[in-house]
Every structure is written in structure tokens, then in C-alpha cells.
Amino acid sequence: MAIVGYARVSTTDQNTAVQIDQLKAAGVTDDHLFQDRLSGLDNGRPKLAEALRFVRKGDTLVVTKVDRLARSAAHLHQIVEDLDKRGVGFRVLNDPSLDTTKPHGKLMFGVLASIAEFETALRKERQMEGIAKAKARGDHLGRPKTVTQEIEQRVRDMRAEGASLRAIAAAVGYSTATVQSVLKEKQPQRQ
């Protein structure tokens, strides 16, 4: 049953010394200490990934503050849920209520999980409202259109002359799927 520590600072000119001192005071040894010098928003934190692979059933992963580990409540819940499934405890030194090795800590993470789920639902709701407003304004959603009106007209003209999809695609420099999409679209009405 090892105590595994993780420390992180956002930039190379910051120092993990204070975090490391606290982790060592909590029982973390040098061979069970992992540290990154990357932003918390960075998905590719190699030492965090290594620490999460390193921990085993009965171990406890320890951080000094919760923001050293996770980018959001949802991310924290994801990490802690994975640790819990593997029988690994989690503890935050500067917040004793966040300790999954104790019943009240598990309760706290249940509350955090609910908050994370609520955050996700709110974010999705706001996104859908934004999409609806953009559609109502007539804004184009998705990737920008790369086929110009001149190319569209050329595609239609070539097809009207009996050219095959492959021949049209080769002539305009687009895939046959793009040519098919152009041909399926309604032609703009002239006024």
C-alpha cells in the first residue's frame, strides 16, 4: 500500500518545491513521486499518465490541491472514478474533505460527480441555444464552404452535357462525393 504523489506547475519557471515538501510530509517517497511542468488544461501530461498507470489496488494517489490534478469537476470525477474502480484511494492534502479512503470523502465525490454532470448538461443546453440562434440568424454552421458558386455552376453544366461524375471531379479538382453533393443541392433561384 503505497502513497503516490503528483505535483504540477504550469510553467517551467515555476517551482514544485512547496508541493513536493507537502507530499513528502504526507509519506510520499522519491520513487513514488511524479511531477509535470505543464498547464492543467494540457491533455498530454506524461507524468500524470505515468502516475495513474503506476498506482495499484490499495495505493493512495495524493495531491496538494485539487487544481494540480484536474481541469474541471468533470475531469476530476473521471480520474477519481477510474481510481475507485481499481481500488485506489485519492486524497487532497489542502482539503481533507476530499479523501476517498474515508466515507465522507466518498460522499463529497458523489456530490462533485453530480455537479460535473450538471455542468455538462448546462454546457450542452447553452450550446444548443447558440446553435438555434445562429440558425435563426441564417448563419452557416459547420465547416466553411470550399466550393465556389463558379465551380458549382461548372459542375452542373458539365453534368447537363453528360459528363460522368469522375470526369467532372477530375476537371474541377474535387472528389466525386463533393460533386455529388453539389448536384444534390438545390440550384439558387434567379430573381
C-alpha atoms as a PDB file:
ATOM      1  CA  MET A   1       0.000   0.000   0.000  1.00  0.00           C
ATOM      2  CA  ALA A   2       1.966   2.935  -1.367  1.00  0.00           C
ATOM      3  CA  ILE A   3       1.280   6.631  -1.127  1.00  0.00           C
ATOM      4  CA  VAL A   4       1.863   8.042  -4.607  1.00  0.00           C
ATOM      5  CA  GLY A   5       2.250  11.793  -5.057  1.00  0.00           C
ATOM      6  CA  TYR A   6       1.593  14.010  -8.061  1.00  0.00           C
ATOM      7  CA  ALA A   7       2.779  17.623  -8.311  1.00  0.00           C
ATOM      8  CA  ARG A   8       2.289  20.062 -11.168  1.00  0.00           C
ATOM      9  CA  VAL A   9       3.195  23.615 -12.051  1.00  0.00           C
ATOM     10  CA  SER A  10       2.029  25.417 -15.184  1.00  0.00           C
ATOM     11  CA  THR A  11       5.342  26.775 -16.475  1.00  0.00           C
ATOM     12  CA  THR A  12       8.994  25.854 -16.403  1.00  0.00           C
ATOM     13  CA  ASP A  13       9.897  28.954 -14.351  1.00  0.00           C
ATOM     14  CA  GLN A  14       7.554  27.877 -11.521  1.00  0.00           C
ATOM     15  CA  ASN A  15       8.761  25.543  -8.799  1.00  0.00           C
ATOM     16  CA  THR A  16       7.202  22.368  -7.374  1.00  0.00           C
ATOM     17  CA  ALA A  17       9.312  22.514  -4.180  1.00  0.00           C
ATOM     18  CA  VAL A  18       6.432  23.528  -1.864  1.00  0.00           C
ATOM     19  CA  GLN A  19       4.176  20.801  -3.263  1.00  0.00           C
ATOM     20  CA  ILE A  20       6.935  18.198  -3.012  1.00  0.00           C
ATOM     21  CA  ASP A  21       7.653  19.141   0.619  1.00  0.00           C
ATOM     22  CA  GLN A  22       3.941  18.705   1.485  1.00  0.00           C
ATOM     23  CA  LEU A  23       3.726  15.392  -0.398  1.00  0.00           C
ATOM     24  CA  LYS A  24       6.837  14.043   1.349  1.00  0.00           C
ATOM     25  CA  ALA A  25       5.429  15.134   4.729  1.00  0.00           C
ATOM     26  CA  ALA A  26       2.345  13.050   3.839  1.00  0.00           C
ATOM     27  CA  GLY A  27       4.518   9.964   3.316  1.00  0.00           C
ATOM     28  CA  VAL A  28       5.362  10.076  -0.398  1.00  0.00           C
ATOM     29  CA  THR A  29       8.853   8.780  -1.170  1.00  0.00           C
ATOM     30  CA  ASP A  30      11.039   9.921  -4.088  1.00  0.00           C
ATOM     31  CA  ASP A  31      10.350   6.743  -6.070  1.00  0.00           C
ATOM     32  CA  HIS A  32       6.581   7.330  -5.753  1.00  0.00           C
ATOM     33  CA  LEU A  33       6.647  11.000  -6.770  1.00  0.00           C
ATOM     34  CA  PHE A  34       5.557  12.229 -10.207  1.00  0.00           C
ATOM     35  CA  GLN A  35       5.657  15.830 -11.423  1.00  0.00           C
ATOM     36  CA  ASP A  36       4.749  17.735 -14.595  1.00  0.00           C
ATOM     37  CA  ARG A  37       5.605  21.254 -15.722  1.00  0.00           C
ATOM     38  CA  LEU A  38       2.594  21.800 -17.954  1.00  0.00           C
ATOM     39  CA  SER A  39      -0.674  23.695 -17.907  1.00  0.00           C
ATOM     40  CA  GLY A  40      -3.601  21.959 -16.219  1.00  0.00           C
ATOM     41  CA  LEU A  41      -5.507  22.438 -19.477  1.00  0.00           C
ATOM     42  CA  ASP A  42      -2.930  20.362 -21.331  1.00  0.00           C
ATOM     43  CA  ASN A  43      -4.326  16.906 -22.100  1.00  0.00           C
ATOM     44  CA  GLY A  44      -0.887  15.388 -22.570  1.00  0.00           C
ATOM     45  CA  ARG A  45       0.577  15.390 -19.074  1.00  0.00           C
ATOM     46  CA  PRO A  46       3.013  12.454 -19.293  1.00  0.00           C
ATOM     47  CA  LYS A  47       3.878  12.178 -15.589  1.00  0.00           C
ATOM     48  CA  LEU A  48       0.205  12.221 -14.588  1.00  0.00           C
ATOM     49  CA  ALA A  49      -0.448   9.422 -17.072  1.00  0.00           C
ATOM     50  CA  GLU A  50       2.554   7.549 -15.652  1.00  0.00           C
ATOM     51  CA  ALA A  51       1.322   8.039 -12.059  1.00  0.00           C
ATOM     52  CA  LEU A  52      -2.153   6.782 -12.984  1.00  0.00           C
ATOM     53  CA  ARG A  53      -0.613   3.678 -14.593  1.00  0.00           C
ATOM     54  CA  PHE A  54       1.726   3.183 -11.616  1.00  0.00           C
ATOM     55  CA  VAL A  55      -0.866   3.069  -8.813  1.00  0.00           C
ATOM     56  CA  ARG A  56      -2.151  -0.334  -7.731  1.00  0.00           C
ATOM     57  CA  LYS A  57      -5.020  -1.638  -5.627  1.00  0.00           C
ATOM     58  CA  GLY A  58      -4.605  -0.424  -2.046  1.00  0.00           C
ATOM     59  CA  ASP A  59      -2.446   2.587  -3.027  1.00  0.00           C
ATOM     60  CA  THR A  60      -3.490   6.200  -2.477  1.00  0.00           C
ATOM     61  CA  LEU A  61      -2.850   8.972  -5.001  1.00  0.00           C
ATOM     62  CA  VAL A  62      -2.149  12.263  -3.197  1.00  0.00           C
ATOM     63  CA  VAL A  63      -2.050  15.844  -4.492  1.00  0.00           C
ATOM     64  CA  THR A  64      -1.640  19.093  -2.558  1.00  0.00           C
ATOM     65  CA  LYS A  65      -4.568  20.906  -4.218  1.00  0.00           C
ATOM     66  CA  VAL A  66      -7.293  19.590  -6.491  1.00  0.00           C
ATOM     67  CA  ASP A  67      -6.403  22.007  -9.319  1.00  0.00           C
ATOM     68  CA  ARG A  68      -2.970  20.376  -9.560  1.00  0.00           C
ATOM     69  CA  LEU A  69      -4.713  17.223 -10.861  1.00  0.00           C
ATOM     70  CA  ALA A  70      -7.835  18.099 -12.834  1.00  0.00           C
ATOM     71  CA  ARG A  71      -9.038  20.715 -15.331  1.00  0.00           C
ATOM     72  CA  SER A  72     -12.670  20.656 -14.180  1.00  0.00           C
ATOM     73  CA  ALA A  73     -15.090  18.897 -11.851  1.00  0.00           C
ATOM     74  CA  ALA A  74     -15.951  16.508 -14.690  1.00  0.00           C
ATOM     75  CA  HIS A  75     -12.268  15.696 -15.281  1.00  0.00           C
ATOM     76  CA  LEU A  76     -11.686  15.201 -11.552  1.00  0.00           C
ATOM     77  CA  HIS A  77     -14.659  12.857 -11.348  1.00  0.00           C
ATOM     78  CA  GLN A  78     -13.383  10.887 -14.351  1.00  0.00           C
ATOM     79  CA  ILE A  79      -9.957  10.385 -12.759  1.00  0.00           C
ATOM     80  CA  VAL A  80     -11.290   9.535  -9.291  1.00  0.00           C
ATOM     81  CA  GLU A  81     -13.922   7.153 -10.693  1.00  0.00           C
ATOM     82  CA  ASP A  82     -11.174   5.271 -12.566  1.00  0.00           C
ATOM     83  CA  LEU A  83      -9.038   5.117  -9.410  1.00  0.00           C
ATOM     84  CA  ASP A  84     -12.012   3.909  -7.356  1.00  0.00           C
ATOM     85  CA  LYS A  85     -12.774   1.097  -9.824  1.00  0.00           C
ATOM     86  CA  ARG A  86      -9.168  -0.037  -9.459  1.00  0.00           C
ATOM     87  CA  GLY A  87      -9.280   0.072  -5.651  1.00  0.00           C
ATOM     88  CA  VAL A  88      -7.007   3.122  -5.412  1.00  0.00           C
ATOM     89  CA  GLY A  89      -7.746   5.887  -2.919  1.00  0.00           C
ATOM     90  CA  PHE A  90      -7.429   9.592  -3.606  1.00  0.00           C
ATOM     91  CA  ARG A  91      -6.590  12.399  -1.186  1.00  0.00           C
ATOM     92  CA  VAL A  92      -6.151  16.170  -1.418  1.00  0.00           C
ATOM     93  CA  LEU A  93      -3.844  17.458   1.310  1.00  0.00           C
ATOM     94  CA  ASN A  94      -5.173  21.043   1.414  1.00  0.00           C
ATOM     95  CA  ASP A  95      -8.804  19.846   1.511  1.00  0.00           C
ATOM     96  CA  PRO A  96      -9.285  16.965   3.966  1.00  0.00           C
ATOM     97  CA  SER A  97     -12.919  16.529   2.847  1.00  0.00           C
ATOM     98  CA  LEU A  98     -11.587  15.208  -0.481  1.00  0.00           C
ATOM     99  CA  ASP A  99     -10.330  11.833   0.681  1.00  0.00           C
ATOM    100  CA  THR A 100     -11.908   8.760  -0.920  1.00  0.00           C
ATOM    101  CA  THR A 101     -10.290   6.497   1.647  1.00  0.00           C
ATOM    102  CA  LYS A 102     -12.942   7.760   4.117  1.00  0.00           C
ATOM    103  CA  PRO A 103     -16.761   7.579   3.873  1.00  0.00           C
ATOM    104  CA  HIS A 104     -17.319  11.357   3.988  1.00  0.00           C
ATOM    105  CA  GLY A 105     -14.763  11.783   1.188  1.00  0.00           C
ATOM    106  CA  LYS A 106     -16.667   9.346  -0.994  1.00  0.00           C
ATOM    107  CA  LEU A 107     -19.839  11.323  -0.290  1.00  0.00           C
ATOM    108  CA  MET A 108     -18.069  14.534  -1.291  1.00  0.00           C
ATOM    109  CA  PHE A 109     -17.039  12.995  -4.602  1.00  0.00           C
ATOM    110  CA  GLY A 110     -20.601  11.870  -5.180  1.00  0.00           C
ATOM    111  CA  VAL A 111     -21.650  15.499  -4.818  1.00  0.00           C
ATOM    112  CA  LEU A 112     -18.843  16.590  -7.155  1.00  0.00           C
ATOM    113  CA  ALA A 113     -19.968  13.991  -9.699  1.00  0.00           C
ATOM    114  CA  SER A 114     -23.473  15.456  -9.599  1.00  0.00           C
ATOM    115  CA  ILE A 115     -22.060  18.950 -10.094  1.00  0.00           C
ATOM    116  CA  ALA A 116     -19.938  17.740 -13.013  1.00  0.00           C
ATOM    117  CA  GLU A 117     -22.968  16.120 -14.629  1.00  0.00           C
ATOM    118  CA  PHE A 118     -24.955  19.335 -14.101  1.00  0.00           C
ATOM    119  CA  GLU A 119     -22.115  21.424 -15.637  1.00  0.00           C
ATOM    120  CA  THR A 120     -22.105  19.169 -18.701  1.00  0.00           C
ATOM    121  CA  ALA A 121     -25.880  19.417 -19.109  1.00  0.00           C
ATOM    122  CA  LEU A 122     -25.782  23.224 -18.797  1.00  0.00           C
ATOM    123  CA  ARG A 123     -22.943  23.478 -21.304  1.00  0.00           C
ATOM    124  CA  LYS A 124     -24.854  21.325 -23.784  1.00  0.00           C
ATOM    125  CA  GLU A 125     -28.032  23.359 -23.261  1.00  0.00           C
ATOM    126  CA  ARG A 126     -26.160  26.638 -23.887  1.00  0.00           C
ATOM    127  CA  GLN A 127     -24.539  25.144 -26.972  1.00  0.00           C
ATOM    128  CA  MET A 128     -27.906  24.052 -28.389  1.00  0.00           C
ATOM    129  CA  GLU A 129     -29.363  27.527 -27.689  1.00  0.00           C
ATOM    130  CA  GLY A 130     -26.430  29.102 -29.509  1.00  0.00           C
ATOM    131  CA  ILE A 131     -26.896  26.807 -32.490  1.00  0.00           C
ATOM    132  CA  ALA A 132     -30.624  27.600 -32.628  1.00  0.00           C
ATOM    133  CA  LYS A 133     -29.899  31.359 -32.528  1.00  0.00           C
ATOM    134  CA  ALA A 134     -27.267  31.022 -35.265  1.00  0.00           C
ATOM    135  CA  LYS A 135     -29.688  29.081 -37.457  1.00  0.00           C
ATOM    136  CA  ALA A 136     -32.408  31.689 -36.850  1.00  0.00           C
ATOM    137  CA  ARG A 137     -29.979  34.408 -37.993  1.00  0.00           C
ATOM    138  CA  GLY A 138     -29.186  32.332 -41.073  1.00  0.00           C
ATOM    139  CA  ASP A 139     -25.555  31.782 -40.084  1.00  0.00           C
ATOM    140  CA  HIS A 140     -23.752  28.900 -41.758  1.00  0.00           C
ATOM    141  CA  LEU A 141     -22.830  26.173 -39.273  1.00  0.00           C
ATOM    142  CA  GLY A 142     -20.049  23.652 -39.683  1.00  0.00           C
ATOM    143  CA  ARG A 143     -17.020  23.812 -41.908  1.00  0.00           C
ATOM    144  CA  PRO A 144     -16.736  26.746 -44.279  1.00  0.00           C
ATOM    145  CA  LYS A 145     -17.809  26.051 -47.823  1.00  0.00           C
ATOM    146  CA  THR A 146     -14.826  25.480 -50.130  1.00  0.00           C
ATOM    147  CA  VAL A 147     -16.693  25.064 -53.405  1.00  0.00           C
ATOM    148  CA  THR A 148     -17.358  28.417 -55.058  1.00  0.00           C
ATOM    149  CA  GLN A 149     -20.526  29.265 -56.957  1.00  0.00           C
ATOM    150  CA  GLU A 150     -18.496  29.249 -60.196  1.00  0.00           C
ATOM    151  CA  ILE A 151     -17.353  25.656 -59.525  1.00  0.00           C
ATOM    152  CA  GLU A 152     -20.918  24.638 -58.631  1.00  0.00           C
ATOM    153  CA  GLN A 153     -22.178  26.066 -61.911  1.00  0.00           C
ATOM    154  CA  ARG A 154     -19.406  24.344 -63.860  1.00  0.00           C
ATOM    155  CA  VAL A 155     -20.310  21.024 -62.192  1.00  0.00           C
ATOM    156  CA  ARG A 156     -23.966  21.448 -63.128  1.00  0.00           C
ATOM    157  CA  ASP A 157     -23.119  22.488 -66.689  1.00  0.00           C
ATOM    158  CA  MET A 158     -20.771  19.530 -67.216  1.00  0.00           C
ATOM    159  CA  ARG A 159     -23.374  17.137 -65.823  1.00  0.00           C
ATOM    160  CA  ALA A 160     -26.037  18.631 -68.096  1.00  0.00           C
ATOM    161  CA  GLU A 161     -23.665  17.966 -71.013  1.00  0.00           C
ATOM    162  CA  GLY A 162     -23.496  14.307 -69.966  1.00  0.00           C
ATOM    163  CA  ALA A 163     -20.074  14.188 -68.276  1.00  0.00           C
ATOM    164  CA  SER A 164     -19.519  11.395 -65.723  1.00  0.00           C
ATOM    165  CA  LEU A 165     -19.045  12.151 -62.026  1.00  0.00           C
ATOM    166  CA  ARG A 166     -15.395  11.076 -62.230  1.00  0.00           C
ATOM    167  CA  ALA A 167     -14.710  13.290 -65.235  1.00  0.00           C
ATOM    168  CA  ILE A 168     -16.336  16.262 -63.508  1.00  0.00           C
ATOM    169  CA  ALA A 169     -14.406  15.619 -60.288  1.00  0.00           C
ATOM    170  CA  ALA A 170     -11.114  15.448 -62.193  1.00  0.00           C
ATOM    171  CA  ALA A 171     -11.929  18.641 -64.121  1.00  0.00           C
ATOM    172  CA  VAL A 172     -12.854  20.723 -61.051  1.00  0.00           C
ATOM    173  CA  GLY A 173     -10.305  19.193 -58.654  1.00  0.00           C
ATOM    174  CA  TYR A 174     -12.752  17.849 -56.070  1.00  0.00           C
ATOM    175  CA  SER A 175     -13.818  14.339 -55.029  1.00  0.00           C
ATOM    176  CA  THR A 176     -16.756  12.584 -56.634  1.00  0.00           C
ATOM    177  CA  ALA A 177     -18.555  12.823 -53.255  1.00  0.00           C
ATOM    178  CA  THR A 178     -18.243  16.622 -53.402  1.00  0.00           C
ATOM    179  CA  VAL A 179     -19.516  16.641 -56.988  1.00  0.00           C
ATOM    180  CA  GLN A 180     -22.494  14.525 -55.884  1.00  0.00           C
ATOM    181  CA  SER A 181     -23.209  16.957 -53.025  1.00  0.00           C
ATOM    182  CA  VAL A 182     -23.186  19.898 -55.419  1.00  0.00           C
ATOM    183  CA  LEU A 183     -25.574  18.102 -57.761  1.00  0.00           C
ATOM    184  CA  LYS A 184     -27.944  17.227 -54.890  1.00  0.00           C
ATOM    185  CA  GLU A 185     -28.175  20.842 -53.677  1.00  0.00           C
ATOM    186  CA  LYS A 186     -30.963  22.974 -54.979  1.00  0.00           C
ATOM    187  CA  GLN A 187     -29.817  25.472 -57.549  1.00  0.00           C
ATOM    188  CA  PRO A 188     -30.049  29.071 -56.407  1.00  0.00           C
ATOM    189  CA  GLN A 189     -33.124  30.747 -57.797  1.00  0.00           C
ATOM    190  CA  ARG A 190     -32.590  33.729 -60.044  1.00  0.00           C
ATOM    191  CA  GLN A 191     -34.686  36.801 -59.476  1.00  0.00           C
END
